[in-house]
């Protein structure tokens, strides 16, 4: 099953800047071959359910390995079975209506 997620992984106990942790997770999504788009307060990721969830798990493992004693993660996810749809398809649909 395909899934799209919007995820925000926040390491706790590491100070106020978290960009190095965000970069590490972006690399994990890249290495997993997942389509992803970072935005100001999280990342959209799409792909096979198991591959996406494995990458999320790997993000947590990596951020802990980098020294974060705690992590809080917010994640919204969506699936559909009636047709295939990408993140870009969703954006393009709205953009077309704005034109």
Protein backbone atom coordinates (compact mmCIF):
# COMPACT_ATOMS: atom_id res chain seq x y z
CA UNK A 1 0.00 0.00 0.00
CA UNK A 2 1.21 3.50 -0.84
CA UNK A 3 1.20 6.19 1.84
CA UNK A 4 1.84 9.92 2.05
CA UNK A 5 2.98 11.33 5.38
CA UNK A 6 3.65 14.73 6.82
CA UNK A 7 6.20 14.24 9.59
CA UNK A 8 7.88 16.53 12.09
CA UNK A 9 10.62 14.90 14.18
CA UNK A 10 11.77 17.05 17.09
CA UNK A 11 14.79 16.02 19.16
CA UNK A 12 14.58 17.14 22.78
CA UNK A 13 17.50 17.97 25.03
CA UNK A 14 19.82 19.07 22.21
CA UNK A 15 19.47 22.85 22.27
CA UNK A 16 17.43 25.14 20.06
CA UNK A 17 18.93 24.38 16.64
CA UNK A 18 17.82 21.09 15.10
CA UNK A 19 18.98 21.50 11.50
CA UNK A 20 21.67 18.80 11.75
CA UNK A 21 19.00 16.30 12.84
CA UNK A 22 16.67 17.38 10.05
CA UNK A 23 19.53 16.95 7.56
CA UNK A 24 20.22 13.44 8.87
CA UNK A 25 16.60 12.44 8.33
CA UNK A 26 16.58 13.97 4.84
CA UNK A 27 19.57 11.76 4.03
CA UNK A 28 17.69 8.72 5.32
CA UNK A 29 14.73 9.47 3.05
CA UNK A 30 17.15 9.96 0.14
CA UNK A 31 18.96 6.68 0.78
CA UNK A 32 15.63 4.87 1.04
CA UNK A 33 14.73 6.18 -2.41
CA UNK A 34 11.59 7.85 -1.11
CA UNK A 35 10.07 10.92 -2.70
CA UNK A 36 10.16 13.66 -0.07
CA UNK A 37 9.83 17.42 0.24
CA UNK A 38 11.04 19.33 3.26
CA UNK A 39 9.04 22.37 4.34
CA UNK A 40 9.46 24.88 7.16
CA UNK A 41 7.96 22.69 9.88
CA UNK A 42 8.39 19.15 8.64
CA UNK A 43 8.71 16.88 5.64
CA UNK A 44 6.24 15.28 3.26
CA UNK A 45 7.21 11.73 2.27
CA UNK A 46 5.54 9.28 -0.08
CA UNK A 47 6.14 5.66 -0.92
CA UNK A 48 5.37 2.10 0.03
CA UNK A 49 3.94 1.90 3.58
CA UNK A 50 6.62 -0.45 4.92
CA UNK A 51 9.48 1.49 3.33
CA UNK A 52 8.21 4.82 4.67
CA UNK A 53 7.69 3.45 8.19
CA UNK A 54 11.12 1.81 8.15
CA UNK A 55 12.66 5.17 7.21
CA UNK A 56 10.77 6.88 10.06
CA UNK A 57 12.13 4.25 12.46
CA UNK A 58 15.63 4.79 11.08
CA UNK A 59 15.25 8.56 11.64
CA UNK A 60 14.47 7.93 15.29
CA UNK A 61 17.39 5.53 15.66
CA UNK A 62 19.78 7.98 13.99
CA UNK A 63 18.64 11.03 15.96
CA UNK A 64 19.10 9.07 19.20
CA UNK A 65 22.56 7.95 18.01
CA UNK A 66 23.38 11.62 17.42
CA UNK A 67 22.80 12.29 21.11
CA UNK A 68 19.14 13.24 21.48
CA UNK A 69 17.88 11.64 24.69
CA UNK A 70 14.24 12.17 23.70
CA UNK A 71 12.30 12.66 20.47
CA UNK A 72 8.76 13.78 19.89
CA UNK A 73 7.26 13.15 16.48
CA UNK A 74 4.04 14.36 14.93
CA UNK A 75 2.86 12.50 11.86
CA UNK A 76 -0.20 12.70 9.67
CA UNK A 77 -0.67 10.05 7.04
CA UNK A 78 -3.02 9.30 4.22
CA UNK A 79 -3.70 6.39 1.92
CA UNK A 80 -6.07 5.85 -0.97
CA UNK A 81 -7.03 2.81 -3.00
CA UNK A 82 -9.20 4.33 -5.73
CA UNK A 83 -6.25 5.65 -7.76
CA UNK A 84 -2.57 6.49 -7.61
CA UNK A 85 -1.76 10.04 -6.60
CA UNK A 86 1.54 11.74 -5.84
CA UNK A 87 2.31 14.69 -3.62
CA UNK A 88 2.87 16.75 -6.75
CA UNK A 89 -0.53 15.70 -8.14
CA UNK A 90 -2.18 17.14 -5.03
CA UNK A 91 -0.30 20.44 -5.32
CA UNK A 92 -0.99 20.67 -9.06
CA UNK A 93 -4.72 20.15 -8.46
CA UNK A 94 -4.90 23.14 -6.14
CA UNK A 95 -2.67 25.27 -8.38
CA UNK A 96 -4.97 24.58 -11.34
CA UNK A 97 -7.92 25.84 -9.35
CA UNK A 98 -6.03 29.02 -8.45
CA UNK A 99 -5.31 29.84 -12.08
